[in-house]
Amino acid sequence: MKYLLLSLPFAVMLATPVMAQMASPEVAPIEALDTALIATMKSGSASASFTSRYDSLAPVVKSSLNLPIILQNSVGFLWTTIPAAQQDVLNKLFEQFTVASYVNGFSGYGGQQIKILPDERDVGTKKVVETQIVSTDGTPPTRLDYVMTDGDDGWQVTDVLLNGTISKVAVQSSDFSALVVSGNATQLIAALQAKTAALSGGALKN
């Protein structure tokens, strides 16, 4: 498993989306993300550069996922103690890390399918969109559920549940807890810089 659960979809080998004809507002961001990932995988198979794939994918990741909220929820209550300047740096680095993780993980096309399941769950004001990643070799499908929240920019992903249970935010929170202290996030900043550099092979400069 890669660092931070946001990488989990990448460990599940490469897919093509199966989409409904008319997507509901909470499903549309998932369809857009899946479509962009397919393009990323195909361009990876065609040996496109990491930077070009990153630049193509980044806008869709930023619109489909509420990255600032995911980051804040992952850091937890210590977020409000971090100076504004460090918060700004963290938001930029977390965005780079997230997109780089997708580009690194979805690096080649293998013909699998991402199926958006018809059932949705309501969790308070949130909705959970269920998907399956189905391989072509007969192995059991991998389930990824997306927790969707309606905010200022419409419905966006605010958590990802592997196998319907393992929360990305919870795993990240465990990782971050040792790297943030009250009023200081320099260790987390350094960790995200290092991880992004490793994922991109040095293509992304912080």
C-alpha atoms as a PDB file:
ATOM      1  CA  MET A   1       0.000   0.000   0.000  1.00  0.00           C
ATOM      2  CA  LYS A   2       1.338   3.382  -0.926  1.00  0.00           C
ATOM      3  CA  TYR A   3       1.822   6.285   1.476  1.00  0.00           C
ATOM      4  CA  LEU A   4      -1.579   7.826   2.278  1.00  0.00           C
ATOM      5  CA  LEU A   5      -4.765   6.064   1.343  1.00  0.00           C
ATOM      6  CA  LEU A   6      -5.447   8.499  -1.492  1.00  0.00           C
ATOM      7  CA  SER A   7      -3.063   6.243  -3.393  1.00  0.00           C
ATOM      8  CA  LEU A   8      -5.236   3.168  -2.893  1.00  0.00           C
ATOM      9  CA  PRO A   9      -7.063   3.349  -6.225  1.00  0.00           C
ATOM     10  CA  PHE A  10      -3.670   3.344  -7.902  1.00  0.00           C
ATOM     11  CA  ALA A  11      -2.686   0.016  -6.406  1.00  0.00           C
ATOM     12  CA  VAL A  12      -5.726  -1.530  -8.092  1.00  0.00           C
ATOM     13  CA  MET A  13      -4.638  -2.079 -11.639  1.00  0.00           C
ATOM     14  CA  LEU A  14      -5.989   0.140 -14.308  1.00  0.00           C
ATOM     15  CA  ALA A  15      -9.531   0.421 -15.453  1.00  0.00           C
ATOM     16  CA  THR A  16     -12.028   1.831 -17.879  1.00  0.00           C
ATOM     17  CA  PRO A  17     -15.182   3.488 -16.532  1.00  0.00           C
ATOM     18  CA  VAL A  18     -18.663   2.110 -17.054  1.00  0.00           C
ATOM     19  CA  MET A  19     -20.940   5.150 -16.770  1.00  0.00           C
ATOM     20  CA  ALA A  20     -24.636   5.779 -16.520  1.00  0.00           C
ATOM     21  CA  GLN A  21     -26.290   7.660 -19.345  1.00  0.00           C
ATOM     22  CA  MET A  22     -27.397  10.504 -17.071  1.00  0.00           C
ATOM     23  CA  ALA A  23     -25.300  11.084 -13.982  1.00  0.00           C
ATOM     24  CA  SER A  24     -26.757  12.568 -10.821  1.00  0.00           C
ATOM     25  CA  PRO A  25     -24.885  15.586  -9.410  1.00  0.00           C
ATOM     26  CA  GLU A  26     -23.069  13.472  -6.835  1.00  0.00           C
ATOM     27  CA  VAL A  27     -22.040  10.835  -9.397  1.00  0.00           C
ATOM     28  CA  ALA A  28     -20.840  13.215 -12.115  1.00  0.00           C
ATOM     29  CA  PRO A  29     -17.503  14.051 -10.387  1.00  0.00           C
ATOM     30  CA  ILE A  30     -16.693  10.334 -10.111  1.00  0.00           C
ATOM     31  CA  GLU A  31     -17.402   9.804 -13.796  1.00  0.00           C
ATOM     32  CA  ALA A  32     -15.207  12.773 -14.690  1.00  0.00           C
ATOM     33  CA  LEU A  33     -12.370  11.463 -12.533  1.00  0.00           C
ATOM     34  CA  ASP A  34     -12.621   7.958 -14.002  1.00  0.00           C
ATOM     35  CA  THR A  35     -12.584   9.302 -17.551  1.00  0.00           C
ATOM     36  CA  ALA A  36      -9.527  11.447 -16.830  1.00  0.00           C
ATOM     37  CA  LEU A  37      -7.740   8.485 -15.257  1.00  0.00           C
ATOM     38  CA  ILE A  38      -8.362   6.391 -18.363  1.00  0.00           C
ATOM     39  CA  ALA A  39      -6.741   9.124 -20.453  1.00  0.00           C
ATOM     40  CA  THR A  40      -3.828   9.218 -18.018  1.00  0.00           C
ATOM     41  CA  MET A  41      -3.340   5.463 -18.251  1.00  0.00           C
ATOM     42  CA  LYS A  42      -3.471   5.436 -22.033  1.00  0.00           C
ATOM     43  CA  SER A  43      -1.008   8.306 -22.292  1.00  0.00           C
ATOM     44  CA  GLY A  44       1.246   6.475 -19.848  1.00  0.00           C
ATOM     45  CA  SER A  45       1.159   3.438 -22.124  1.00  0.00           C
ATOM     46  CA  ALA A  46       2.122   5.763 -24.967  1.00  0.00           C
ATOM     47  CA  SER A  47       5.147   6.933 -22.948  1.00  0.00           C
ATOM     48  CA  ALA A  48       3.934  10.496 -22.426  1.00  0.00           C
ATOM     49  CA  SER A  49       6.030  12.418 -19.917  1.00  0.00           C
ATOM     50  CA  PHE A  50       5.077  12.518 -16.258  1.00  0.00           C
ATOM     51  CA  THR A  51       4.699  16.307 -16.463  1.00  0.00           C
ATOM     52  CA  SER A  52       2.297  16.204 -19.401  1.00  0.00           C
ATOM     53  CA  ARG A  53       0.139  13.566 -17.726  1.00  0.00           C
ATOM     54  CA  TYR A  54       0.200  15.551 -14.491  1.00  0.00           C
ATOM     55  CA  ASP A  55      -0.858  18.750 -16.247  1.00  0.00           C
ATOM     56  CA  SER A  56      -3.759  16.985 -17.979  1.00  0.00           C
ATOM     57  CA  LEU A  57      -5.034  15.246 -14.867  1.00  0.00           C
ATOM     58  CA  ALA A  58      -4.609  18.000 -12.263  1.00  0.00           C
ATOM     59  CA  PRO A  59      -7.685  20.113 -13.169  1.00  0.00           C
ATOM     60  CA  VAL A  60     -10.026  17.116 -12.926  1.00  0.00           C
ATOM     61  CA  VAL A  61      -8.580  15.944  -9.615  1.00  0.00           C
ATOM     62  CA  LYS A  62      -8.949  19.439  -8.175  1.00  0.00           C
ATOM     63  CA  SER A  63     -12.551  19.722  -9.307  1.00  0.00           C
ATOM     64  CA  SER A  64     -13.613  16.187  -8.320  1.00  0.00           C
ATOM     65  CA  LEU A  65     -11.954  16.075  -4.898  1.00  0.00           C
ATOM     66  CA  ASN A  66     -12.268  18.705  -2.197  1.00  0.00           C
ATOM     67  CA  LEU A  67      -8.566  18.592  -1.438  1.00  0.00           C
ATOM     68  CA  PRO A  68      -8.521  21.397   1.182  1.00  0.00           C
ATOM     69  CA  ILE A  69     -11.231  19.638   3.212  1.00  0.00           C
ATOM     70  CA  ILE A  70      -9.544  16.242   2.867  1.00  0.00           C
ATOM     71  CA  LEU A  71      -6.287  17.769   4.085  1.00  0.00           C
ATOM     72  CA  GLN A  72      -7.911  19.600   6.999  1.00  0.00           C
ATOM     73  CA  ASN A  73      -9.805  16.480   8.096  1.00  0.00           C
ATOM     74  CA  SER A  74      -6.614  14.425   7.830  1.00  0.00           C
ATOM     75  CA  VAL A  75      -4.639  16.843   9.994  1.00  0.00           C
ATOM     76  CA  GLY A  76      -7.520  17.124  12.447  1.00  0.00           C
ATOM     77  CA  PHE A  77      -7.843  19.594  15.297  1.00  0.00           C
ATOM     78  CA  LEU A  78      -4.223  20.725  14.944  1.00  0.00           C
ATOM     79  CA  TRP A  79      -5.042  22.332  11.590  1.00  0.00           C
ATOM     80  CA  THR A  80      -6.278  25.530  13.236  1.00  0.00           C
ATOM     81  CA  THR A  81      -3.000  25.865  15.149  1.00  0.00           C
ATOM     82  CA  ILE A  82      -0.864  25.839  12.000  1.00  0.00           C
ATOM     83  CA  PRO A  83       0.192  29.332  10.811  1.00  0.00           C
ATOM     84  CA  ALA A  84      -1.607  30.565   7.699  1.00  0.00           C
ATOM     85  CA  ALA A  85       1.606  30.621   5.669  1.00  0.00           C
ATOM     86  CA  GLN A  86       2.226  26.940   6.420  1.00  0.00           C
ATOM     87  CA  GLN A  87      -1.410  26.109   5.648  1.00  0.00           C
ATOM     88  CA  ASP A  88      -0.979  27.650   2.204  1.00  0.00           C
ATOM     89  CA  VAL A  89       2.162  25.605   1.586  1.00  0.00           C
ATOM     90  CA  LEU A  90       0.452  22.426   2.765  1.00  0.00           C
ATOM     91  CA  ASN A  91      -2.529  22.976   0.478  1.00  0.00           C
ATOM     92  CA  LYS A  92      -0.228  23.353  -2.517  1.00  0.00           C
ATOM     93  CA  LEU A  93       1.912  20.347  -1.583  1.00  0.00           C
ATOM     94  CA  PHE A  94      -1.075  18.122  -0.815  1.00  0.00           C
ATOM     95  CA  GLU A  95      -2.549  18.930  -4.214  1.00  0.00           C
ATOM     96  CA  GLN A  96       0.748  18.079  -5.921  1.00  0.00           C
ATOM     97  CA  PHE A  97       1.114  14.895  -3.904  1.00  0.00           C
ATOM     98  CA  THR A  98      -2.427  13.760  -4.680  1.00  0.00           C
ATOM     99  CA  VAL A  99      -2.163  14.323  -8.424  1.00  0.00           C
ATOM    100  CA  ALA A 100       1.336  12.821  -8.541  1.00  0.00           C
ATOM    101  CA  SER A 101       0.035   9.727  -6.748  1.00  0.00           C
ATOM    102  CA  TYR A 102      -2.656   9.248  -9.374  1.00  0.00           C
ATOM    103  CA  VAL A 103      -0.221   9.773 -12.273  1.00  0.00           C
ATOM    104  CA  ASN A 104       2.307   7.406 -10.745  1.00  0.00           C
ATOM    105  CA  GLY A 105      -0.254   4.710  -9.987  1.00  0.00           C
ATOM    106  CA  PHE A 106      -2.280   4.912 -13.187  1.00  0.00           C
ATOM    107  CA  SER A 107       0.661   4.560 -15.549  1.00  0.00           C
ATOM    108  CA  GLY A 108      -0.545   2.030 -18.097  1.00  0.00           C
ATOM    109  CA  TYR A 109      -3.804   0.745 -19.554  1.00  0.00           C
ATOM    110  CA  GLY A 110      -4.865  -2.874 -19.001  1.00  0.00           C
ATOM    111  CA  GLY A 111      -8.494  -2.984 -20.103  1.00  0.00           C
ATOM    112  CA  GLN A 112     -10.164  -3.304 -16.715  1.00  0.00           C
ATOM    113  CA  GLN A 113     -13.440  -1.558 -15.913  1.00  0.00           C
ATOM    114  CA  ILE A 114     -14.605   0.838 -13.225  1.00  0.00           C
ATOM    115  CA  LYS A 115     -18.286   0.224 -12.582  1.00  0.00           C
ATOM    116  CA  ILE A 116     -20.361   2.820 -10.779  1.00  0.00           C
ATOM    117  CA  LEU A 117     -22.973   0.844  -8.869  1.00  0.00           C
ATOM    118  CA  PRO A 118     -26.602   1.977  -8.938  1.00  0.00           C
ATOM    119  CA  ASP A 119     -27.147   2.069  -5.184  1.00  0.00           C
ATOM    120  CA  GLU A 120     -26.140   5.098  -3.107  1.00  0.00           C
ATOM    121  CA  ARG A 121     -26.101   5.477   0.650  1.00  0.00           C
ATOM    122  CA  ASP A 122     -27.142   8.561   2.569  1.00  0.00           C
ATOM    123  CA  VAL A 123     -24.961   9.407   5.573  1.00  0.00           C
ATOM    124  CA  GLY A 124     -26.532  12.509   7.066  1.00  0.00           C
ATOM    125  CA  THR A 125     -26.144  15.232   4.459  1.00  0.00           C
ATOM    126  CA  LYS A 126     -23.484  13.235   2.604  1.00  0.00           C
ATOM    127  CA  LYS A 127     -23.915  10.557  -0.048  1.00  0.00           C
ATOM    128  CA  VAL A 128     -21.751   7.519  -0.659  1.00  0.00           C
ATOM    129  CA  VAL A 129     -21.240   6.507  -4.293  1.00  0.00           C
ATOM    130  CA  GLU A 130     -20.179   2.882  -4.654  1.00  0.00           C
ATOM    131  CA  THR A 131     -17.842   1.645  -7.393  1.00  0.00           C
ATOM    132  CA  GLN A 132     -16.100  -1.557  -8.324  1.00  0.00           C
ATOM    133  CA  ILE A 133     -12.840  -1.996 -10.188  1.00  0.00           C
ATOM    134  CA  VAL A 134     -13.142  -5.169 -12.231  1.00  0.00           C
ATOM    135  CA  SER A 135     -10.083  -6.839 -13.703  1.00  0.00           C
ATOM    136  CA  THR A 136      -9.933  -8.948 -16.828  1.00  0.00           C
ATOM    137  CA  ASP A 137      -8.268 -11.952 -15.149  1.00  0.00           C
ATOM    138  CA  GLY A 138     -11.251 -13.118 -13.102  1.00  0.00           C
ATOM    139  CA  THR A 139      -9.982 -11.900  -9.745  1.00  0.00           C
ATOM    140  CA  PRO A 140     -12.652 -10.550  -7.375  1.00  0.00           C
ATOM    141  CA  PRO A 141     -13.504  -6.882  -7.977  1.00  0.00           C
ATOM    142  CA  THR A 142     -12.122  -4.222  -5.672  1.00  0.00           C
ATOM    143  CA  ARG A 143     -14.684  -1.909  -4.149  1.00  0.00           C
ATOM    144  CA  LEU A 144     -14.070   1.806  -3.757  1.00  0.00           C
ATOM    145  CA  ASP A 145     -16.736   3.992  -2.192  1.00  0.00           C
ATOM    146  CA  TYR A 146     -16.621   7.774  -2.489  1.00  0.00           C
ATOM    147  CA  VAL A 147     -18.024   9.975   0.261  1.00  0.00           C
ATOM    148  CA  MET A 148     -19.567  12.964  -1.500  1.00  0.00           C
ATOM    149  CA  THR A 149     -20.292  16.311   0.157  1.00  0.00           C
ATOM    150  CA  ASP A 150     -22.279  19.173  -1.349  1.00  0.00           C
ATOM    151  CA  GLY A 151     -20.371  22.435  -0.871  1.00  0.00           C
ATOM    152  CA  ASP A 152     -19.690  25.780  -2.496  1.00  0.00           C
ATOM    153  CA  ASP A 153     -18.293  24.049  -5.603  1.00  0.00           C
ATOM    154  CA  GLY A 154     -21.018  21.404  -5.780  1.00  0.00           C
ATOM    155  CA  TRP A 155     -20.642  17.730  -4.953  1.00  0.00           C
ATOM    156  CA  GLN A 156     -17.037  16.669  -4.340  1.00  0.00           C
ATOM    157  CA  VAL A 157     -15.208  13.720  -2.830  1.00  0.00           C
ATOM    158  CA  THR A 158     -14.292  14.237   0.827  1.00  0.00           C
ATOM    159  CA  ASP A 159     -13.222  10.664   1.618  1.00  0.00           C
ATOM    160  CA  VAL A 160     -12.547   7.348  -0.112  1.00  0.00           C
ATOM    161  CA  LEU A 161     -13.430   3.996   1.476  1.00  0.00           C
ATOM    162  CA  LEU A 162     -11.450   0.949   0.337  1.00  0.00           C
ATOM    163  CA  ASN A 163     -13.636  -2.163   0.373  1.00  0.00           C
ATOM    164  CA  GLY A 164     -16.385   0.081   1.678  1.00  0.00           C
ATOM    165  CA  THR A 165     -14.774   0.475   5.097  1.00  0.00           C
ATOM    166  CA  ILE A 166     -11.144   1.685   5.174  1.00  0.00           C
ATOM    167  CA  SER A 167     -11.162   5.481   5.270  1.00  0.00           C
ATOM    168  CA  LYS A 168      -8.469   7.388   3.405  1.00  0.00           C
ATOM    169  CA  VAL A 169      -8.833  10.296   5.796  1.00  0.00           C
ATOM    170  CA  ALA A 170      -8.416   8.022   8.807  1.00  0.00           C
ATOM    171  CA  VAL A 171      -5.241   6.455   7.401  1.00  0.00           C
ATOM    172  CA  GLN A 172      -3.829   9.856   6.495  1.00  0.00           C
ATOM    173  CA  SER A 173      -4.692  11.148   9.941  1.00  0.00           C
ATOM    174  CA  SER A 174      -2.624   8.344  11.436  1.00  0.00           C
ATOM    175  CA  ASP A 175       0.291   9.272   9.168  1.00  0.00           C
ATOM    176  CA  PHE A 176       0.013  12.997   9.834  1.00  0.00           C
ATOM    177  CA  SER A 177      -0.323  12.784  13.613  1.00  0.00           C
ATOM    178  CA  ALA A 178       3.380  12.108  14.042  1.00  0.00           C
ATOM    179  CA  LEU A 179       4.358  14.929  11.673  1.00  0.00           C
ATOM    180  CA  VAL A 180       2.346  17.872  13.000  1.00  0.00           C
ATOM    181  CA  VAL A 181       2.644  19.528  16.371  1.00  0.00           C
ATOM    182  CA  SER A 182       0.677  22.497  17.623  1.00  0.00           C
ATOM    183  CA  GLY A 183       1.726  25.550  15.645  1.00  0.00           C
ATOM    184  CA  ASN A 184       4.251  23.746  13.429  1.00  0.00           C
ATOM    185  CA  ALA A 185       3.833  21.571  10.330  1.00  0.00           C
ATOM    186  CA  THR A 186       7.392  21.668   8.998  1.00  0.00           C
ATOM    187  CA  GLN A 187       7.812  17.876   9.251  1.00  0.00           C
ATOM    188  CA  LEU A 188       4.645  17.247   7.269  1.00  0.00           C
ATOM    189  CA  ILE A 189       5.731  19.801   4.672  1.00  0.00           C
ATOM    190  CA  ALA A 190       9.074  18.038   4.278  1.00  0.00           C
ATOM    191  CA  ALA A 191       7.400  14.617   4.074  1.00  0.00           C
ATOM    192  CA  LEU A 192       4.988  15.710   1.333  1.00  0.00           C
ATOM    193  CA  GLN A 193       7.836  17.315  -0.609  1.00  0.00           C
ATOM    194  CA  ALA A 194       9.869  14.111  -0.431  1.00  0.00           C
ATOM    195  CA  LYS A 195       6.955  11.863  -1.372  1.00  0.00           C
ATOM    196  CA  THR A 196       5.978  14.029  -4.329  1.00  0.00           C
ATOM    197  CA  ALA A 197       9.554  14.109  -5.605  1.00  0.00           C
ATOM    198  CA  ALA A 198       9.766  10.318  -5.336  1.00  0.00           C
ATOM    199  CA  LEU A 199       6.427   9.751  -7.088  1.00  0.00           C
ATOM    200  CA  SER A 200       7.309  12.088  -9.947  1.00  0.00           C
ATOM    201  CA  GLY A 201      10.892  10.922 -10.314  1.00  0.00           C
ATOM    202  CA  GLY A 202      11.987  14.483  -9.648  1.00  0.00           C
ATOM    203  CA  ALA A 203       9.779  15.913 -12.407  1.00  0.00           C
ATOM    204  CA  LEU A 204       7.862  18.124  -9.959  1.00  0.00           C
ATOM    205  CA  LYS A 205       9.786  20.873  -8.220  1.00  0.00           C
ATOM    206  CA  ASN A 206       8.460  22.196  -4.909  1.00  0.00           C
END
